[in-house]
Amino acid sequence: MVDTQEGRVRALGTRFSVSQQADYSQVAVFADKVEIQPSFPNALKQIVRTGQETRFISTRVELIQQNKLD
């Protein structure tokens, strides 16, 4: 599990990277999937899968896109 200022990323049997930026967190998944839970109490969880990446803030996960490294 990785906690950032914006929320939590939970590994679901995977290879991934998380980077903390000034006002968001960036997640890229290289194998399997991760679950992102923004820290805001009512924010929705999102699953990010192999070959996908996204940014998130404390209230929401942005649009999930194909990883630029594919």
Protein backbone atom coordinates (compact mmCIF):
# COMPACT_ATOMS: atom_id res chain seq x y z
CA MET A 1 0.00 0.00 0.00
CA VAL A 2 1.21 3.52 -0.79
CA ASP A 3 -0.28 6.58 0.93
CA THR A 4 0.06 10.02 -0.68
CA GLN A 5 -1.32 13.40 0.36
CA GLU A 6 -4.28 12.78 -1.96
CA GLY A 7 -5.17 9.23 -0.91
CA ARG A 8 -4.17 5.55 -0.96
CA VAL A 9 -3.06 3.18 -3.74
CA ARG A 10 -3.50 -0.52 -2.96
CA ALA A 11 -1.61 -3.15 -4.93
CA LEU A 12 -3.68 -6.03 -6.25
CA GLY A 13 -0.79 -8.37 -7.19
CA THR A 14 1.08 -5.96 -9.44
CA ARG A 15 4.01 -3.84 -10.65
CA PHE A 16 3.29 -0.11 -10.59
CA SER A 17 4.72 3.32 -9.83
CA VAL A 18 3.38 6.19 -7.76
CA SER A 19 4.83 9.69 -7.79
CA GLN A 20 3.79 12.57 -5.56
CA GLN A 21 3.65 15.92 -7.36
CA ALA A 22 2.94 19.34 -5.84
CA ASP A 23 -0.85 19.11 -6.15
CA TYR A 24 -1.65 15.57 -7.37
CA SER A 25 -0.42 11.97 -7.37
CA GLN A 26 0.46 10.05 -10.56
CA VAL A 27 -0.02 6.27 -10.89
CA ALA A 28 1.13 3.98 -13.73
CA VAL A 29 0.43 0.23 -13.79
CA PHE A 30 2.82 -2.15 -15.59
CA ALA A 31 1.30 -5.50 -14.53
CA ASP A 32 -2.06 -6.53 -13.05
CA LYS A 33 -3.98 -3.74 -11.30
CA VAL A 34 -4.15 -1.28 -8.40
CA GLU A 35 -7.03 0.33 -6.54
CA ILE A 36 -6.96 4.09 -5.90
CA GLN A 37 -8.93 5.48 -2.97
CA PRO A 38 -8.80 9.30 -2.78
CA SER A 39 -8.66 10.58 0.81
CA PHE A 40 -11.93 12.57 0.68
CA PRO A 41 -14.57 10.58 2.65
CA ASN A 42 -17.10 10.17 -0.20
CA ALA A 43 -14.65 9.89 -3.11
CA LEU A 44 -15.12 6.86 -5.37
CA LYS A 45 -12.47 4.13 -5.65
CA GLN A 46 -11.08 3.39 -9.11
CA ILE A 47 -9.24 0.36 -10.50
CA VAL A 48 -6.27 1.03 -12.81
CA ARG A 49 -5.15 -1.93 -14.92
CA THR A 50 -2.09 -3.08 -16.87
CA GLY A 51 -0.98 -0.45 -19.38
CA GLN A 52 -2.99 2.36 -17.81
CA GLU A 53 -2.07 5.50 -15.88
CA THR A 54 -3.88 8.34 -14.15
CA ARG A 55 -3.56 11.27 -11.80
CA PHE A 56 -5.63 11.79 -8.69
CA ILE A 57 -6.36 14.43 -6.09
CA SER A 58 -7.98 14.05 -2.68
CA THR A 59 -11.52 14.30 -4.08
CA ARG A 60 -11.37 12.29 -7.33
CA VAL A 61 -9.44 10.16 -9.81
CA GLU A 62 -8.93 11.76 -13.23
CA LEU A 63 -9.68 10.04 -16.53
CA ILE A 64 -7.72 6.76 -16.82
CA GLN A 65 -5.53 6.70 -19.94
CA GLN A 66 -3.27 4.23 -21.76
CA ASN A 67 0.25 4.25 -20.34
CA LYS A 68 2.71 6.15 -22.55
CA LEU A 69 5.32 3.42 -21.98
CA ASP A 70 3.34 0.75 -23.90
